[in-house]
Amino acid sequence: MTRRMTRCACPERQRGRTILADALNLDEALDGWRVPVPSKILAARVLAGAPRTSIARSVKLWWTAIGMTVALSGATAGIAATTILTPASQADSMTVFGDLPTGSDSNG
């Protein structure tokens, strides 16, 4: 089934077309705009003001990242082991603190 679009002389549609045409003109103007290369003086000032990173700081950052990775890997392995080792028949009544007594939850 094909649906034919009928032209409507609605002012809202005409306003929408005008907005889209303006946006297209702006988009084309921005496409052609190029940022000039900064001067060498500006580049030198930016580099002079940039913070210096020491090797000790880089090493500390790497060890922090490694520690977080190990911790998250351990947590993931623990969750996977608990999920795999939990018997399916008791899964709905088991908690980390022990089994729930029968009738204490909505499952009976």
N, C-alpha and C. Protein backbone atom coordinates (compact mmCIF):
# COMPACT_ATOMS: atom_id res chain seq x y z
N MET A 1 0.85 -1.17 0.00
CA MET A 1 0.00 0.00 0.00
C MET A 1 0.90 1.23 0.00
N THR A 2 0.69 2.07 -0.95
CA THR A 2 1.47 3.30 -1.02
C THR A 2 0.62 4.45 -0.55
N ARG A 3 1.26 5.37 0.06
CA ARG A 3 0.55 6.53 0.59
C ARG A 3 1.08 7.77 -0.10
N ARG A 4 0.21 8.52 -0.68
CA ARG A 4 0.62 9.72 -1.39
C ARG A 4 0.64 10.89 -0.43
N MET A 5 1.69 11.63 -0.50
CA MET A 5 1.79 12.83 0.32
C MET A 5 1.11 13.95 -0.45
N THR A 6 0.21 14.60 0.19
CA THR A 6 -0.45 15.73 -0.45
C THR A 6 0.20 17.01 0.03
N ARG A 7 0.31 17.94 -0.87
CA ARG A 7 0.90 19.22 -0.51
C ARG A 7 -0.10 20.01 0.30
N CYS A 8 0.41 20.58 1.35
CA CYS A 8 -0.45 21.37 2.23
C CYS A 8 0.12 22.78 2.29
N ALA A 9 -0.75 23.73 2.23
CA ALA A 9 -0.30 25.12 2.30
C ALA A 9 -0.31 25.60 3.74
N CYS A 10 -0.08 24.69 4.65
CA CYS A 10 -0.10 25.03 6.08
C CYS A 10 1.07 25.97 6.38
N PRO A 11 0.84 27.01 7.18
CA PRO A 11 1.94 27.92 7.52
C PRO A 11 3.02 27.23 8.34
N GLU A 12 2.65 26.22 9.14
CA GLU A 12 3.65 25.52 9.95
C GLU A 12 4.65 24.78 9.06
N ARG A 13 4.15 24.15 8.01
CA ARG A 13 5.04 23.42 7.10
C ARG A 13 5.95 24.39 6.35
N GLN A 14 5.40 25.51 5.93
CA GLN A 14 6.22 26.49 5.21
C GLN A 14 7.30 27.04 6.14
N ARG A 15 6.94 27.29 7.39
CA ARG A 15 7.93 27.78 8.36
C ARG A 15 9.00 26.71 8.60
N GLY A 16 8.58 25.45 8.64
CA GLY A 16 9.54 24.36 8.81
C GLY A 16 10.51 24.27 7.65
N ARG A 17 9.97 24.43 6.43
CA ARG A 17 10.85 24.40 5.24
C ARG A 17 11.84 25.56 5.26
N THR A 18 11.38 26.71 5.72
CA THR A 18 12.27 27.87 5.81
C THR A 18 13.38 27.61 6.82
N ILE A 19 13.03 27.03 7.96
CA ILE A 19 14.03 26.72 8.99
C ILE A 19 15.05 25.71 8.45
N LEU A 20 14.55 24.68 7.76
CA LEU A 20 15.47 23.68 7.20
C LEU A 20 16.38 24.28 6.13
N ALA A 21 15.84 25.18 5.31
CA ALA A 21 16.67 25.82 4.28
C ALA A 21 17.76 26.68 4.93
N ASP A 22 17.40 27.42 5.99
CA ASP A 22 18.40 28.21 6.71
C ASP A 22 19.47 27.33 7.34
N ALA A 23 19.03 26.20 7.89
CA ALA A 23 19.98 25.27 8.51
C ALA A 23 20.91 24.68 7.46
N LEU A 24 20.38 24.38 6.28
CA LEU A 24 21.22 23.84 5.21
C LEU A 24 22.26 24.87 4.76
N ASN A 25 21.84 26.12 4.64
CA ASN A 25 22.80 27.18 4.26
C ASN A 25 23.90 27.32 5.30
N LEU A 26 23.51 27.28 6.59
CA LEU A 26 24.51 27.37 7.66
C LEU A 26 25.45 26.17 7.63
N ASP A 27 24.89 24.99 7.39
CA ASP A 27 25.70 23.77 7.34
C ASP A 27 26.72 23.85 6.21
N GLU A 28 26.28 24.34 5.05
CA GLU A 28 27.21 24.46 3.92
C GLU A 28 28.29 25.49 4.20
N ALA A 29 27.92 26.58 4.88
CA ALA A 29 28.92 27.60 5.22
C ALA A 29 29.94 27.05 6.21
N LEU A 30 29.48 26.28 7.18
CA LEU A 30 30.40 25.71 8.18
C LEU A 30 31.27 24.62 7.56
N ASP A 31 30.73 23.90 6.57
CA ASP A 31 31.53 22.89 5.89
C ASP A 31 32.74 23.50 5.19
N GLY A 32 32.58 24.66 4.64
CA GLY A 32 33.67 25.30 3.92
C GLY A 32 34.63 26.08 4.79
N TRP A 33 34.29 26.28 6.05
CA TRP A 33 35.13 27.09 6.93
C TRP A 33 36.31 26.26 7.44
N ARG A 34 37.47 26.82 7.40
CA ARG A 34 38.67 26.15 7.88
C ARG A 34 39.29 26.97 9.00
N VAL A 35 39.75 26.30 10.03
CA VAL A 35 40.40 26.97 11.15
C VAL A 35 41.82 27.30 10.75
N PRO A 36 42.24 28.54 10.92
CA PRO A 36 43.61 28.88 10.56
C PRO A 36 44.60 28.22 11.53
N VAL A 37 45.79 27.96 11.03
CA VAL A 37 46.84 27.36 11.84
C VAL A 37 47.27 28.37 12.90
N PRO A 38 47.35 27.94 14.18
CA PRO A 38 47.76 28.89 15.21
C PRO A 38 49.23 29.31 15.03
N SER A 39 49.53 30.46 15.54
CA SER A 39 50.90 30.95 15.41
C SER A 39 51.84 30.13 16.29
N LYS A 40 53.12 30.19 15.98
CA LYS A 40 54.11 29.44 16.76
C LYS A 40 54.20 29.99 18.18
N ILE A 41 53.97 31.29 18.34
CA ILE A 41 54.02 31.88 19.68
C ILE A 41 52.89 31.33 20.54
N LEU A 42 51.69 31.24 19.97
CA LEU A 42 50.56 30.68 20.72
C LEU A 42 50.81 29.23 21.08
N ALA A 43 51.32 28.44 20.14
CA ALA A 43 51.62 27.03 20.40
C ALA A 43 52.65 26.90 21.52
N ALA A 44 53.66 27.75 21.53
CA ALA A 44 54.68 27.71 22.57
C ALA A 44 54.09 28.07 23.94
N ARG A 45 53.18 29.07 23.97
CA ARG A 45 52.55 29.45 25.23
C ARG A 45 51.67 28.33 25.78
N VAL A 46 50.95 27.65 24.91
CA VAL A 46 50.10 26.54 25.34
C VAL A 46 50.95 25.42 25.91
N LEU A 47 52.02 25.08 25.21
CA LEU A 47 52.90 24.01 25.70
C LEU A 47 53.59 24.39 27.00
N ALA A 48 53.95 25.66 27.15
CA ALA A 48 54.61 26.10 28.38
C ALA A 48 53.66 26.05 29.57
N GLY A 49 52.38 26.27 29.32
CA GLY A 49 51.40 26.26 30.41
C GLY A 49 50.84 24.88 30.71
N ALA A 50 51.16 23.89 29.89
CA ALA A 50 50.63 22.54 30.10
C ALA A 50 51.29 21.91 31.33
N PRO A 51 50.51 21.14 32.10
CA PRO A 51 51.11 20.52 33.29
C PRO A 51 52.12 19.45 32.89
N ARG A 52 53.15 19.35 33.68
CA ARG A 52 54.18 18.34 33.44
C ARG A 52 53.76 17.05 34.14
N THR A 53 53.88 15.96 33.45
CA THR A 53 53.57 14.67 34.07
C THR A 53 54.87 13.95 34.35
N SER A 54 54.99 13.49 35.55
CA SER A 54 56.21 12.77 35.92
C SER A 54 56.02 11.28 35.67
N ILE A 55 57.12 10.57 35.64
CA ILE A 55 57.08 9.13 35.44
C ILE A 55 56.39 8.48 36.64
N ALA A 56 56.63 9.01 37.83
CA ALA A 56 56.01 8.44 39.03
C ALA A 56 54.49 8.54 38.96
N ARG A 57 54.00 9.68 38.47
CA ARG A 57 52.55 9.84 38.36
C ARG A 57 51.97 8.87 37.33
N SER A 58 52.67 8.69 36.20
CA SER A 58 52.20 7.75 35.18
C SER A 58 52.18 6.33 35.72
N VAL A 59 53.22 5.95 36.46
CA VAL A 59 53.28 4.61 37.04
C VAL A 59 52.16 4.42 38.04
N LYS A 60 51.90 5.43 38.87
CA LYS A 60 50.82 5.35 39.86
C LYS A 60 49.47 5.17 39.17
N LEU A 61 49.26 5.89 38.08
CA LEU A 61 48.01 5.77 37.33
C LEU A 61 47.86 4.37 36.75
N TRP A 62 48.93 3.82 36.20
CA TRP A 62 48.87 2.48 35.64
C TRP A 62 48.57 1.43 36.71
N TRP A 63 49.22 1.56 37.87
CA TRP A 63 48.97 0.58 38.94
C TRP A 63 47.54 0.69 39.46
N THR A 64 47.01 1.90 39.51
CA THR A 64 45.62 2.07 39.92
C THR A 64 44.69 1.38 38.93
N ALA A 65 44.94 1.57 37.65
CA ALA A 65 44.12 0.94 36.62
C ALA A 65 44.22 -0.58 36.68
N ILE A 66 45.42 -1.09 36.91
CA ILE A 66 45.60 -2.55 37.02
C ILE A 66 44.86 -3.08 38.24
N GLY A 67 44.93 -2.36 39.36
CA GLY A 67 44.23 -2.79 40.57
C GLY A 67 42.72 -2.82 40.37
N MET A 68 42.19 -1.80 39.72
CA MET A 68 40.75 -1.78 39.47
C MET A 68 40.34 -2.91 38.53
N THR A 69 41.17 -3.20 37.55
CA THR A 69 40.87 -4.29 36.63
C THR A 69 40.86 -5.63 37.34
N VAL A 70 41.82 -5.84 38.22
CA VAL A 70 41.88 -7.10 38.98
C VAL A 70 40.66 -7.22 39.89
N ALA A 71 40.29 -6.13 40.56
CA ALA A 71 39.14 -6.16 41.46
C ALA A 71 37.85 -6.48 40.70
N LEU A 72 37.65 -5.82 39.56
CA LEU A 72 36.44 -6.07 38.78
C LEU A 72 36.43 -7.48 38.19
N SER A 73 37.59 -7.98 37.81
CA SER A 73 37.67 -9.35 37.30
C SER A 73 37.32 -10.35 38.39
N GLY A 74 37.81 -10.10 39.59
CA GLY A 74 37.48 -10.98 40.72
C GLY A 74 36.00 -10.95 41.04
N ALA A 75 35.40 -9.77 41.03
CA ALA A 75 33.97 -9.67 41.30
C ALA A 75 33.16 -10.40 40.23
N THR A 76 33.57 -10.25 38.98
CA THR A 76 32.86 -10.93 37.89
C THR A 76 33.01 -12.44 38.01
N ALA A 77 34.19 -12.92 38.35
CA ALA A 77 34.40 -14.36 38.52
C ALA A 77 33.58 -14.89 39.69
N GLY A 78 33.49 -14.11 40.77
CA GLY A 78 32.69 -14.54 41.92
C GLY A 78 31.21 -14.62 41.59
N ILE A 79 30.72 -13.64 40.86
CA ILE A 79 29.31 -13.67 40.46
C ILE A 79 29.04 -14.85 39.53
N ALA A 80 29.95 -15.07 38.59
CA ALA A 80 29.77 -16.19 37.66
C ALA A 80 29.80 -17.53 38.40
N ALA A 81 30.73 -17.68 39.34
CA ALA A 81 30.82 -18.93 40.09
C ALA A 81 29.57 -19.15 40.93
N THR A 82 29.08 -18.10 41.57
CA THR A 82 27.87 -18.23 42.39
C THR A 82 26.68 -18.61 41.52
N THR A 83 26.59 -18.01 40.36
CA THR A 83 25.47 -18.30 39.45
C THR A 83 25.55 -19.74 38.95
N ILE A 84 26.74 -20.19 38.63
CA ILE A 84 26.89 -21.55 38.09
C ILE A 84 26.69 -22.60 39.18
N LEU A 85 27.18 -22.34 40.38
CA LEU A 85 27.15 -23.35 41.44
C LEU A 85 25.83 -23.39 42.21
N THR A 86 24.95 -22.41 42.03
CA THR A 86 23.68 -22.41 42.74
C THR A 86 22.73 -23.40 42.09
N PRO A 87 22.22 -24.35 42.86
CA PRO A 87 21.27 -25.31 42.28
C PRO A 87 20.01 -24.59 41.81
N ALA A 88 19.52 -24.97 40.65
CA ALA A 88 18.36 -24.29 40.07
C ALA A 88 17.11 -24.49 40.92
N SER A 89 16.99 -25.63 41.60
CA SER A 89 15.79 -25.89 42.39
C SER A 89 15.71 -25.00 43.63
N GLN A 90 16.82 -24.53 44.12
CA GLN A 90 16.82 -23.72 45.32
C GLN A 90 17.13 -22.25 45.05
N ALA A 91 17.28 -21.88 43.81
CA ALA A 91 17.74 -20.54 43.48
C ALA A 91 16.80 -19.45 43.94
N ASP A 92 15.49 -19.73 43.96
CA ASP A 92 14.56 -18.68 44.33
C ASP A 92 14.42 -18.51 45.84
N SER A 93 14.94 -19.44 46.65
CA SER A 93 14.84 -19.28 48.10
C SER A 93 16.20 -19.07 48.76
N MET A 94 17.27 -19.06 47.99
CA MET A 94 18.60 -18.90 48.56
C MET A 94 19.02 -17.44 48.59
N THR A 95 19.67 -17.06 49.65
CA THR A 95 20.29 -15.75 49.75
C THR A 95 21.74 -15.96 50.17
N VAL A 96 22.52 -14.89 50.21
CA VAL A 96 23.90 -15.04 50.64
C VAL A 96 23.98 -15.37 52.13
N PHE A 97 22.89 -15.16 52.87
CA PHE A 97 22.87 -15.43 54.31
C PHE A 97 22.30 -16.79 54.64
N GLY A 98 21.80 -17.51 53.66
CA GLY A 98 21.23 -18.83 53.89
C GLY A 98 19.90 -18.97 53.18
N ASP A 99 19.27 -20.12 53.40
CA ASP A 99 17.98 -20.38 52.77
C ASP A 99 16.87 -19.64 53.51
N LEU A 100 15.87 -19.22 52.75
CA LEU A 100 14.68 -18.64 53.36
C LEU A 100 13.74 -19.76 53.77
N PRO A 101 13.05 -19.60 54.90
CA PRO A 101 12.09 -20.65 55.26
C PRO A 101 10.93 -20.69 54.27
N THR A 102 10.34 -21.85 54.13
CA THR A 102 9.23 -22.03 53.19
C THR A 102 8.07 -21.10 53.60
N GLY A 103 7.51 -20.43 52.64
CA GLY A 103 6.37 -19.57 52.88
C GLY A 103 6.74 -18.14 53.25
N SER A 104 8.01 -17.84 53.27
CA SER A 104 8.42 -16.49 53.68
C SER A 104 8.50 -15.51 52.52
N ASP A 105 8.30 -16.00 51.31
CA ASP A 105 8.33 -15.11 50.16
C ASP A 105 7.07 -15.32 49.32
N SER A 106 6.96 -14.61 48.25
CA SER A 106 5.76 -14.67 47.42
C SER A 106 5.70 -15.96 46.60
N ASN A 107 6.79 -16.73 46.56
CA ASN A 107 6.79 -17.97 45.79
C ASN A 107 6.27 -19.17 46.59
N GLY A 108 6.00 -19.00 47.85
CA GLY A 108 5.43 -20.09 48.63
C GLY A 108 6.39 -20.55 49.64
